[in-house]
N, C-alpha and C. Protein backbone atom coordinates (compact mmCIF):
# COMPACT_ATOMS: atom_id res chain seq x y z
N UNK A 1 18.84 -28.78 -12.64
CA UNK A 1 19.32 -28.21 -11.42
C UNK A 1 18.78 -26.80 -11.22
N UNK A 2 18.51 -26.09 -12.29
CA UNK A 2 18.03 -24.73 -12.16
C UNK A 2 16.57 -24.75 -11.74
N UNK A 3 16.24 -23.82 -10.88
CA UNK A 3 14.88 -23.80 -10.39
C UNK A 3 14.48 -22.37 -10.10
N UNK A 4 13.25 -22.05 -10.35
CA UNK A 4 12.72 -20.77 -9.91
C UNK A 4 11.34 -20.98 -9.33
N UNK A 5 11.02 -20.13 -8.37
CA UNK A 5 9.79 -20.28 -7.63
C UNK A 5 9.11 -18.93 -7.57
N UNK A 6 7.81 -18.92 -7.63
CA UNK A 6 7.06 -17.69 -7.48
C UNK A 6 6.08 -17.85 -6.32
N UNK A 7 5.94 -16.80 -5.55
CA UNK A 7 5.01 -16.81 -4.41
C UNK A 7 4.27 -15.50 -4.38
N UNK A 8 3.02 -15.53 -4.02
CA UNK A 8 2.21 -14.31 -3.95
C UNK A 8 1.66 -14.16 -2.55
N UNK A 9 1.62 -12.92 -2.09
CA UNK A 9 1.07 -12.64 -0.78
C UNK A 9 0.54 -11.22 -0.75
N UNK A 10 -0.56 -11.00 -0.08
CA UNK A 10 -1.06 -9.66 0.15
C UNK A 10 -0.67 -9.27 1.57
N UNK A 11 0.22 -8.31 1.68
CA UNK A 11 0.74 -7.95 2.99
C UNK A 11 1.37 -6.57 2.91
N UNK A 12 1.45 -5.89 4.03
CA UNK A 12 2.14 -4.61 4.07
C UNK A 12 3.36 -4.68 4.96
N UNK A 13 3.73 -5.86 5.38
CA UNK A 13 4.91 -6.02 6.23
C UNK A 13 6.17 -5.76 5.42
N UNK A 14 7.08 -4.97 5.97
CA UNK A 14 8.35 -4.74 5.30
C UNK A 14 9.30 -5.88 5.61
N UNK A 15 10.14 -6.19 4.67
CA UNK A 15 11.07 -7.28 4.83
C UNK A 15 12.32 -6.79 5.54
N UNK A 16 12.78 -7.54 6.53
CA UNK A 16 13.97 -7.17 7.28
C UNK A 16 15.21 -7.46 6.46
N UNK A 17 16.24 -6.68 6.68
CA UNK A 17 17.52 -6.94 6.05
C UNK A 17 17.70 -6.35 4.67
N UNK A 18 16.80 -5.54 4.21
CA UNK A 18 16.96 -4.93 2.91
C UNK A 18 17.56 -3.55 3.07
N UNK A 19 18.55 -3.22 2.28
CA UNK A 19 19.20 -1.91 2.36
C UNK A 19 18.38 -0.89 1.58
N UNK A 20 17.84 0.14 2.24
CA UNK A 20 17.03 1.12 1.52
C UNK A 20 17.91 1.96 0.58
N UNK A 21 17.40 2.21 -0.60
CA UNK A 21 18.11 3.01 -1.59
C UNK A 21 17.42 4.37 -1.76
N UNK A 22 16.56 4.76 -0.83
CA UNK A 22 15.90 6.04 -0.92
C UNK A 22 14.50 5.91 -1.48
N UNK A 23 13.80 7.01 -1.52
CA UNK A 23 12.44 7.03 -2.03
C UNK A 23 12.26 8.24 -2.93
N UNK A 24 12.85 8.23 -4.11
CA UNK A 24 12.69 9.39 -4.97
C UNK A 24 11.29 9.43 -5.55
N UNK A 25 10.63 10.57 -5.45
CA UNK A 25 9.29 10.69 -6.02
C UNK A 25 9.40 10.81 -7.53
N UNK A 26 8.53 10.15 -8.22
CA UNK A 26 8.53 10.21 -9.67
C UNK A 26 8.03 11.57 -10.12
N UNK A 27 8.39 11.97 -11.30
CA UNK A 27 8.08 13.31 -11.77
C UNK A 27 6.63 13.48 -12.18
N UNK A 28 5.96 12.43 -12.60
CA UNK A 28 4.61 12.60 -13.13
C UNK A 28 3.55 12.38 -12.07
N UNK A 29 2.69 13.36 -11.83
CA UNK A 29 1.60 13.17 -10.88
C UNK A 29 0.52 12.30 -11.48
N UNK A 30 -0.25 11.63 -10.60
CA UNK A 30 -1.34 10.77 -11.05
C UNK A 30 -2.33 11.55 -11.90
N UNK A 31 -3.20 12.32 -11.30
CA UNK A 31 -4.05 13.24 -12.05
C UNK A 31 -4.08 14.58 -11.34
N UNK A 32 -3.26 14.73 -10.31
CA UNK A 32 -3.19 15.98 -9.58
C UNK A 32 -4.25 16.09 -8.51
N UNK A 33 -5.44 15.52 -8.74
CA UNK A 33 -6.52 15.68 -7.79
C UNK A 33 -6.41 14.74 -6.59
N UNK A 34 -5.71 13.62 -6.72
CA UNK A 34 -5.70 12.66 -5.63
C UNK A 34 -4.34 12.11 -5.27
N UNK A 35 -3.30 12.38 -5.98
CA UNK A 35 -2.02 11.83 -5.58
C UNK A 35 -0.93 11.97 -6.62
N UNK A 36 0.26 11.55 -6.23
CA UNK A 36 1.42 11.59 -7.11
C UNK A 36 2.03 10.19 -7.18
N UNK A 37 2.60 9.87 -8.33
CA UNK A 37 3.25 8.59 -8.54
C UNK A 37 4.55 8.56 -7.74
N UNK A 38 4.88 7.41 -7.16
CA UNK A 38 6.10 7.29 -6.37
C UNK A 38 6.66 5.88 -6.51
N UNK A 39 7.96 5.76 -6.22
CA UNK A 39 8.67 4.49 -6.31
C UNK A 39 9.60 4.36 -5.11
N UNK A 40 9.70 3.18 -4.56
CA UNK A 40 10.67 2.88 -3.50
C UNK A 40 11.47 1.67 -3.95
N UNK A 41 12.79 1.74 -3.75
CA UNK A 41 13.68 0.65 -4.16
C UNK A 41 14.46 0.17 -2.95
N UNK A 42 14.59 -1.12 -2.82
CA UNK A 42 15.45 -1.74 -1.80
C UNK A 42 16.22 -2.84 -2.50
N UNK A 43 17.51 -2.94 -2.18
CA UNK A 43 18.32 -3.96 -2.82
C UNK A 43 19.48 -4.34 -1.93
N UNK A 44 20.09 -5.45 -2.23
CA UNK A 44 21.25 -5.89 -1.47
C UNK A 44 21.66 -7.30 -1.84
N UNK A 45 22.70 -7.76 -1.20
CA UNK A 45 23.15 -9.14 -1.42
C UNK A 45 22.62 -10.00 -0.28
N UNK A 46 22.41 -11.27 -0.58
CA UNK A 46 22.01 -12.23 0.43
C UNK A 46 22.90 -13.46 0.25
N UNK A 47 23.03 -14.23 1.28
CA UNK A 47 23.83 -15.45 1.19
C UNK A 47 23.00 -16.57 0.59
N UNK A 48 23.68 -17.58 0.08
CA UNK A 48 22.98 -18.76 -0.42
C UNK A 48 22.18 -19.43 0.68
N UNK A 49 22.71 -19.41 1.90
CA UNK A 49 22.00 -20.00 3.04
C UNK A 49 20.70 -19.26 3.33
N UNK A 50 20.75 -17.92 3.24
CA UNK A 50 19.53 -17.13 3.46
C UNK A 50 18.51 -17.41 2.35
N UNK A 51 18.98 -17.53 1.12
CA UNK A 51 18.11 -17.88 0.00
C UNK A 51 17.43 -19.22 0.26
N UNK A 52 18.21 -20.21 0.71
CA UNK A 52 17.66 -21.54 1.02
C UNK A 52 16.66 -21.48 2.18
N UNK A 53 16.96 -20.66 3.20
CA UNK A 53 16.05 -20.54 4.34
C UNK A 53 14.71 -19.94 3.89
N UNK A 54 14.75 -18.92 3.04
CA UNK A 54 13.51 -18.33 2.53
C UNK A 54 12.73 -19.35 1.69
N UNK A 55 13.46 -20.12 0.89
CA UNK A 55 12.80 -21.13 0.06
C UNK A 55 12.13 -22.19 0.94
N UNK A 56 12.82 -22.62 1.98
CA UNK A 56 12.24 -23.61 2.89
C UNK A 56 10.99 -23.06 3.57
N UNK A 57 11.05 -21.78 3.97
CA UNK A 57 9.90 -21.12 4.60
C UNK A 57 8.70 -21.09 3.65
N UNK A 58 8.97 -20.91 2.35
CA UNK A 58 7.91 -20.87 1.35
C UNK A 58 7.48 -22.26 0.88
N UNK A 59 8.17 -23.30 1.36
CA UNK A 59 7.79 -24.66 1.01
C UNK A 59 8.50 -25.23 -0.21
N UNK A 60 9.55 -24.57 -0.69
CA UNK A 60 10.29 -25.06 -1.85
C UNK A 60 11.38 -26.01 -1.38
N UNK A 61 11.45 -27.16 -2.00
CA UNK A 61 12.45 -28.17 -1.64
C UNK A 61 13.51 -28.23 -2.74
N UNK A 62 14.77 -28.40 -2.33
CA UNK A 62 15.88 -28.54 -3.27
C UNK A 62 16.59 -29.86 -3.02
N UNK A 63 17.17 -30.43 -4.06
CA UNK A 63 17.96 -31.66 -3.93
C UNK A 63 19.31 -31.31 -3.30
N UNK A 64 20.04 -32.32 -2.89
CA UNK A 64 21.36 -32.09 -2.29
C UNK A 64 22.29 -31.41 -3.29
N UNK A 65 22.22 -31.79 -4.55
CA UNK A 65 23.05 -31.18 -5.59
C UNK A 65 22.71 -29.70 -5.76
N UNK A 66 21.41 -29.38 -5.75
CA UNK A 66 20.97 -27.99 -5.87
C UNK A 66 21.39 -27.17 -4.66
N UNK A 67 21.28 -27.74 -3.47
CA UNK A 67 21.69 -27.05 -2.24
C UNK A 67 23.18 -26.72 -2.31
N UNK A 68 24.00 -27.67 -2.74
CA UNK A 68 25.45 -27.44 -2.85
C UNK A 68 25.75 -26.31 -3.84
N UNK A 69 25.05 -26.28 -4.97
CA UNK A 69 25.25 -25.22 -5.96
C UNK A 69 24.83 -23.86 -5.41
N UNK A 70 23.72 -23.82 -4.68
CA UNK A 70 23.24 -22.55 -4.11
C UNK A 70 24.16 -22.03 -3.01
N UNK A 71 24.76 -22.92 -2.25
CA UNK A 71 25.69 -22.49 -1.20
C UNK A 71 26.93 -21.84 -1.80
N UNK A 72 27.35 -22.27 -2.99
CA UNK A 72 28.52 -21.71 -3.66
C UNK A 72 28.20 -20.43 -4.42
N UNK A 73 26.96 -20.27 -4.84
CA UNK A 73 26.57 -19.15 -5.70
C UNK A 73 26.46 -17.85 -4.92
N UNK A 74 26.60 -16.75 -5.65
CA UNK A 74 26.32 -15.42 -5.10
C UNK A 74 24.84 -15.15 -5.31
N UNK A 75 24.24 -14.42 -4.38
CA UNK A 75 22.80 -14.14 -4.48
C UNK A 75 22.54 -12.66 -4.25
N UNK A 76 21.50 -12.15 -4.90
CA UNK A 76 21.09 -10.76 -4.74
C UNK A 76 19.57 -10.71 -4.60
N UNK A 77 19.13 -9.55 -4.13
CA UNK A 77 17.70 -9.28 -4.10
C UNK A 77 17.48 -7.86 -4.54
N UNK A 78 16.36 -7.65 -5.22
CA UNK A 78 15.97 -6.32 -5.66
C UNK A 78 14.46 -6.23 -5.49
N UNK A 79 14.02 -5.19 -4.79
CA UNK A 79 12.60 -4.99 -4.51
C UNK A 79 12.18 -3.62 -4.99
N UNK A 80 11.06 -3.55 -5.70
CA UNK A 80 10.57 -2.28 -6.21
C UNK A 80 9.10 -2.14 -5.85
N UNK A 81 8.75 -1.00 -5.27
CA UNK A 81 7.37 -0.65 -4.94
C UNK A 81 6.96 0.49 -5.84
N UNK A 82 5.80 0.36 -6.50
CA UNK A 82 5.32 1.38 -7.43
C UNK A 82 3.86 1.67 -7.13
N UNK A 83 3.50 2.96 -7.03
CA UNK A 83 2.11 3.30 -6.77
C UNK A 83 1.87 4.78 -6.66
N UNK A 84 0.81 5.14 -5.94
CA UNK A 84 0.42 6.54 -5.74
C UNK A 84 0.44 6.89 -4.26
N UNK A 85 0.93 8.10 -3.97
CA UNK A 85 0.90 8.66 -2.62
C UNK A 85 -0.08 9.83 -2.60
N UNK A 86 -0.56 10.19 -1.41
CA UNK A 86 -1.48 11.31 -1.26
C UNK A 86 -0.78 12.62 -1.64
N UNK A 87 0.50 12.74 -1.32
CA UNK A 87 1.31 13.89 -1.69
C UNK A 87 2.74 13.40 -1.86
N UNK A 88 3.65 14.30 -2.19
CA UNK A 88 5.03 13.88 -2.47
C UNK A 88 5.64 13.06 -1.35
N UNK A 89 5.37 13.37 -0.11
CA UNK A 89 5.89 12.61 1.02
C UNK A 89 4.77 12.06 1.91
N UNK A 90 3.55 12.05 1.39
CA UNK A 90 2.40 11.61 2.18
C UNK A 90 2.25 10.10 2.22
N UNK A 91 1.11 9.67 2.76
CA UNK A 91 0.85 8.23 2.90
C UNK A 91 0.59 7.60 1.53
N UNK A 92 0.85 6.31 1.45
CA UNK A 92 0.56 5.57 0.24
C UNK A 92 -0.95 5.42 0.08
N UNK A 93 -1.46 5.60 -1.12
CA UNK A 93 -2.86 5.33 -1.44
C UNK A 93 -3.00 3.90 -1.98
N UNK A 94 -2.16 3.58 -2.97
CA UNK A 94 -2.12 2.23 -3.55
C UNK A 94 -0.69 1.91 -3.94
N UNK A 95 -0.34 0.62 -3.94
CA UNK A 95 0.95 0.21 -4.50
C UNK A 95 0.95 -1.27 -4.82
N UNK A 96 1.87 -1.63 -5.73
CA UNK A 96 2.21 -3.02 -5.98
C UNK A 96 3.71 -3.14 -5.74
N UNK A 97 4.12 -4.33 -5.30
CA UNK A 97 5.52 -4.55 -4.97
C UNK A 97 5.96 -5.88 -5.54
N UNK A 98 7.18 -5.90 -6.09
CA UNK A 98 7.78 -7.15 -6.55
C UNK A 98 9.17 -7.24 -5.94
N UNK A 99 9.50 -8.42 -5.42
CA UNK A 99 10.86 -8.68 -4.92
C UNK A 99 11.41 -9.88 -5.67
N UNK A 100 12.56 -9.69 -6.31
CA UNK A 100 13.24 -10.77 -7.02
C UNK A 100 14.49 -11.14 -6.25
N UNK A 101 14.59 -12.41 -5.87
CA UNK A 101 15.80 -12.98 -5.27
C UNK A 101 16.37 -13.93 -6.32
N UNK A 102 17.65 -13.79 -6.64
CA UNK A 102 18.25 -14.71 -7.60
C UNK A 102 19.69 -15.02 -7.23
N UNK A 103 20.09 -16.25 -7.52
CA UNK A 103 21.45 -16.70 -7.27
C UNK A 103 22.09 -16.97 -8.63
N UNK A 104 23.36 -16.64 -8.75
CA UNK A 104 24.07 -16.72 -10.02
C UNK A 104 25.51 -17.15 -9.77
N UNK A 105 26.13 -17.71 -10.80
CA UNK A 105 27.51 -18.17 -10.65
C UNK A 105 28.47 -17.55 -11.66
N UNK A 106 28.05 -16.52 -12.36
CA UNK A 106 28.89 -15.88 -13.35
C UNK A 106 28.65 -16.40 -14.76
N UNK A 107 28.00 -17.55 -14.88
CA UNK A 107 27.69 -18.14 -16.17
C UNK A 107 26.20 -18.24 -16.42
N UNK A 108 25.43 -18.41 -15.35
CA UNK A 108 23.99 -18.56 -15.47
C UNK A 108 23.32 -18.21 -14.14
N UNK A 109 22.02 -18.03 -14.21
CA UNK A 109 21.21 -17.87 -13.01
C UNK A 109 20.94 -19.27 -12.49
N UNK A 110 21.35 -19.54 -11.27
CA UNK A 110 21.20 -20.88 -10.69
C UNK A 110 19.78 -21.11 -10.21
N UNK A 111 19.18 -20.10 -9.57
CA UNK A 111 17.82 -20.22 -9.06
C UNK A 111 17.26 -18.83 -8.82
N UNK A 112 15.93 -18.71 -8.83
CA UNK A 112 15.31 -17.41 -8.55
C UNK A 112 13.95 -17.62 -7.90
N UNK A 113 13.54 -16.60 -7.15
CA UNK A 113 12.24 -16.59 -6.48
C UNK A 113 11.69 -15.18 -6.60
N UNK A 114 10.38 -15.06 -6.62
CA UNK A 114 9.74 -13.75 -6.67
C UNK A 114 8.59 -13.72 -5.67
N UNK A 115 8.38 -12.55 -5.07
CA UNK A 115 7.25 -12.31 -4.18
C UNK A 115 6.51 -11.09 -4.70
N UNK A 116 5.19 -11.13 -4.61
CA UNK A 116 4.35 -10.05 -5.09
C UNK A 116 3.41 -9.62 -3.98
N UNK A 117 3.20 -8.31 -3.87
CA UNK A 117 2.29 -7.79 -2.86
C UNK A 117 1.52 -6.60 -3.43
N UNK A 118 0.39 -6.32 -2.81
CA UNK A 118 -0.38 -5.13 -3.18
C UNK A 118 -0.92 -4.49 -1.91
N UNK A 119 -1.31 -3.21 -2.01
CA UNK A 119 -1.80 -2.48 -0.85
C UNK A 119 -2.74 -1.38 -1.32
N UNK A 120 -3.78 -1.15 -0.55
CA UNK A 120 -4.64 0.00 -0.74
C UNK A 120 -4.96 0.58 0.64
N UNK A 121 -4.86 1.90 0.75
CA UNK A 121 -5.09 2.58 2.02
C UNK A 121 -6.57 2.59 2.39
N UNK A 122 -7.43 2.90 1.43
CA UNK A 122 -8.86 3.06 1.66
C UNK A 122 -9.61 2.15 0.68
N UNK A 123 -10.09 1.03 1.16
CA UNK A 123 -10.70 0.03 0.28
C UNK A 123 -12.05 0.47 -0.28
N UNK A 124 -12.69 1.47 0.30
CA UNK A 124 -13.96 1.93 -0.26
C UNK A 124 -13.72 2.90 -1.41
N UNK A 125 -12.62 3.63 -1.39
CA UNK A 125 -12.29 4.58 -2.45
C UNK A 125 -11.44 3.92 -3.53
N UNK A 126 -10.44 3.13 -3.12
CA UNK A 126 -9.54 2.42 -4.04
C UNK A 126 -9.85 0.93 -3.92
N UNK A 127 -10.55 0.40 -4.87
CA UNK A 127 -10.97 -1.00 -4.82
C UNK A 127 -10.00 -1.89 -5.58
N UNK A 128 -9.47 -2.88 -4.89
CA UNK A 128 -8.55 -3.84 -5.49
C UNK A 128 -9.32 -4.73 -6.45
N UNK A 129 -8.86 -4.80 -7.69
CA UNK A 129 -9.53 -5.60 -8.72
C UNK A 129 -8.68 -6.79 -9.17
N UNK A 130 -7.61 -7.08 -8.47
CA UNK A 130 -6.81 -8.26 -8.78
C UNK A 130 -5.57 -7.94 -9.60
N UNK A 131 -4.86 -9.01 -9.93
CA UNK A 131 -3.61 -8.89 -10.69
C UNK A 131 -3.91 -8.87 -12.19
N UNK A 132 -3.39 -7.88 -12.88
CA UNK A 132 -3.45 -7.87 -14.34
C UNK A 132 -2.33 -8.74 -14.90
N UNK A 133 -1.21 -8.83 -14.17
CA UNK A 133 -0.08 -9.67 -14.57
C UNK A 133 0.74 -9.98 -13.34
N UNK A 134 1.24 -11.21 -13.31
CA UNK A 134 2.11 -11.65 -12.22
C UNK A 134 2.87 -12.85 -12.75
N UNK A 135 4.20 -12.70 -12.97
CA UNK A 135 4.94 -13.81 -13.56
C UNK A 135 6.41 -13.78 -13.16
N UNK A 136 7.02 -14.95 -13.24
CA UNK A 136 8.47 -15.12 -13.07
C UNK A 136 8.92 -16.04 -14.19
N UNK A 137 9.80 -15.53 -15.06
CA UNK A 137 10.27 -16.29 -16.21
C UNK A 137 11.79 -16.21 -16.29
N UNK A 138 12.37 -17.04 -17.13
CA UNK A 138 13.82 -17.00 -17.37
C UNK A 138 14.06 -17.21 -18.85
N UNK A 139 15.25 -16.80 -19.29
CA UNK A 139 15.62 -17.03 -20.68
C UNK A 139 15.95 -18.50 -20.87
N UNK A 140 15.96 -18.94 -22.09
CA UNK A 140 16.23 -20.34 -22.40
C UNK A 140 17.62 -20.78 -21.91
N UNK A 141 18.58 -19.88 -21.98
CA UNK A 141 19.95 -20.19 -21.56
C UNK A 141 20.19 -19.92 -20.06
N UNK A 142 19.18 -19.48 -19.36
CA UNK A 142 19.27 -19.13 -17.96
C UNK A 142 20.28 -17.99 -17.71
N UNK A 143 20.43 -17.10 -18.69
CA UNK A 143 21.32 -15.96 -18.50
C UNK A 143 20.64 -14.85 -17.70
N UNK A 144 19.31 -14.89 -17.60
CA UNK A 144 18.57 -13.90 -16.80
C UNK A 144 17.24 -14.48 -16.35
N UNK A 145 16.66 -13.80 -15.38
CA UNK A 145 15.33 -14.15 -14.87
C UNK A 145 14.56 -12.85 -14.68
N UNK A 146 13.26 -12.86 -14.97
CA UNK A 146 12.45 -11.64 -14.93
C UNK A 146 11.19 -11.86 -14.11
N UNK A 147 10.94 -10.94 -13.18
CA UNK A 147 9.71 -10.94 -12.38
C UNK A 147 8.88 -9.73 -12.80
N UNK A 148 7.60 -9.96 -13.12
CA UNK A 148 6.70 -8.88 -13.54
C UNK A 148 5.46 -8.88 -12.66
N UNK A 149 4.99 -7.69 -12.33
CA UNK A 149 3.75 -7.56 -11.58
C UNK A 149 3.01 -6.32 -12.07
N UNK A 150 1.69 -6.45 -12.17
CA UNK A 150 0.82 -5.33 -12.54
C UNK A 150 -0.50 -5.53 -11.83
N UNK A 151 -0.89 -4.55 -11.03
CA UNK A 151 -2.14 -4.64 -10.29
C UNK A 151 -3.23 -3.79 -10.91
N UNK A 152 -4.48 -4.02 -10.49
CA UNK A 152 -5.62 -3.22 -10.95
C UNK A 152 -6.33 -2.64 -9.74
N UNK A 153 -6.45 -1.32 -9.70
CA UNK A 153 -7.17 -0.62 -8.64
C UNK A 153 -8.23 0.26 -9.29
N UNK A 154 -9.47 0.12 -8.86
CA UNK A 154 -10.57 0.94 -9.36
C UNK A 154 -10.73 2.13 -8.42
N UNK A 155 -10.67 3.35 -8.98
CA UNK A 155 -10.82 4.57 -8.19
C UNK A 155 -12.26 5.06 -8.33
N UNK A 156 -13.02 5.06 -7.23
CA UNK A 156 -14.43 5.43 -7.27
C UNK A 156 -14.63 6.92 -7.53
N UNK A 157 -13.59 7.73 -7.30
CA UNK A 157 -13.71 9.17 -7.50
C UNK A 157 -13.94 9.57 -8.95
N UNK A 158 -13.31 8.87 -9.89
CA UNK A 158 -13.49 9.22 -11.31
C UNK A 158 -13.87 8.01 -12.16
N UNK A 159 -14.04 6.84 -11.56
CA UNK A 159 -14.47 5.66 -12.29
C UNK A 159 -13.41 5.02 -13.17
N UNK A 160 -12.14 5.38 -12.98
CA UNK A 160 -11.07 4.82 -13.79
C UNK A 160 -10.36 3.69 -13.04
N UNK A 161 -9.72 2.81 -13.80
CA UNK A 161 -8.91 1.75 -13.23
C UNK A 161 -7.44 2.11 -13.43
N UNK A 162 -6.67 2.07 -12.36
CA UNK A 162 -5.25 2.37 -12.40
C UNK A 162 -4.47 1.07 -12.29
N UNK A 163 -3.40 0.97 -13.07
CA UNK A 163 -2.62 -0.27 -13.15
C UNK A 163 -1.14 0.00 -12.92
N UNK A 164 -0.73 0.18 -11.66
CA UNK A 164 0.71 0.32 -11.42
C UNK A 164 1.43 -0.99 -11.71
N UNK A 165 2.66 -0.90 -12.24
CA UNK A 165 3.40 -2.11 -12.59
C UNK A 165 4.88 -1.94 -12.26
N UNK A 166 5.54 -3.06 -12.08
CA UNK A 166 6.99 -3.08 -11.86
C UNK A 166 7.54 -4.37 -12.46
N UNK A 167 8.67 -4.26 -13.12
CA UNK A 167 9.36 -5.40 -13.73
C UNK A 167 10.82 -5.33 -13.32
N UNK A 168 11.38 -6.46 -12.89
CA UNK A 168 12.78 -6.54 -12.49
C UNK A 168 13.41 -7.73 -13.20
N UNK A 169 14.58 -7.52 -13.81
CA UNK A 169 15.33 -8.60 -14.45
C UNK A 169 16.68 -8.73 -13.77
N UNK A 170 17.02 -9.94 -13.32
CA UNK A 170 18.31 -10.23 -12.71
C UNK A 170 19.15 -11.06 -13.68
N UNK A 171 20.45 -10.74 -13.77
CA UNK A 171 21.33 -11.38 -14.74
C UNK A 171 22.33 -12.33 -14.09
N UNK A 172 22.98 -13.14 -14.92
CA UNK A 172 23.94 -14.17 -14.51
C UNK A 172 25.16 -13.60 -13.79
N UNK A 173 25.43 -12.31 -13.96
CA UNK A 173 26.60 -11.68 -13.33
C UNK A 173 26.23 -10.82 -12.12
N UNK A 174 24.97 -10.85 -11.69
CA UNK A 174 24.52 -10.07 -10.55
C UNK A 174 23.94 -8.72 -10.93
N UNK A 175 24.01 -8.36 -12.19
CA UNK A 175 23.42 -7.11 -12.63
C UNK A 175 21.90 -7.20 -12.69
N UNK A 176 21.25 -6.06 -12.85
CA UNK A 176 19.79 -6.05 -12.93
C UNK A 176 19.32 -4.85 -13.76
N UNK A 177 18.08 -4.92 -14.21
CA UNK A 177 17.38 -3.81 -14.88
C UNK A 177 15.97 -3.79 -14.34
N UNK A 178 15.30 -2.66 -14.47
CA UNK A 178 13.93 -2.54 -14.00
C UNK A 178 13.14 -1.61 -14.89
N UNK A 179 11.83 -1.76 -14.86
CA UNK A 179 10.87 -0.89 -15.49
C UNK A 179 9.71 -0.75 -14.52
N UNK A 180 9.16 0.46 -14.42
CA UNK A 180 8.02 0.66 -13.50
C UNK A 180 7.21 1.86 -13.97
N UNK A 181 5.96 1.90 -13.57
CA UNK A 181 5.09 3.01 -13.91
C UNK A 181 3.66 2.71 -13.55
N UNK A 182 2.76 3.47 -14.16
CA UNK A 182 1.36 3.19 -13.99
C UNK A 182 0.69 4.13 -13.10
């Protein structure tokens, strides 16, 4: 009955219905010469019906038993964007984004989905080199589900490759943890 789905898309469209939690700038600058590291977080609750509608839009099919369980379950979403900005409040230069949607019933994660996105402002200066990591996994007991993303951007200014990453774990009780950097 448990199911998780992963979907990937390259897009800069913001998702409607997410409650913004602010945009605190991270303390460590990239290299000082071209930008500063930044993170944006959006999170909130969603209904089981909304979860099912998103799954249907992505082409995921559920059995009648699974649909009934998802309608009863509580669902949450957590989205994290990690990358570099031109300045503390300036435009984004590069970023990767992961959104984890998961439904839980207090005992286990019933279902989960993840979406991954990447962005570069100037493709001649910041060259997208693909995903270094992109995964959605769960524990054996379905007590949690984890979405990981790590992108590769080649910076022509100094010849280095930058790998911003974000990891989000959702738990059976609606709690979550995250890790991000790069």
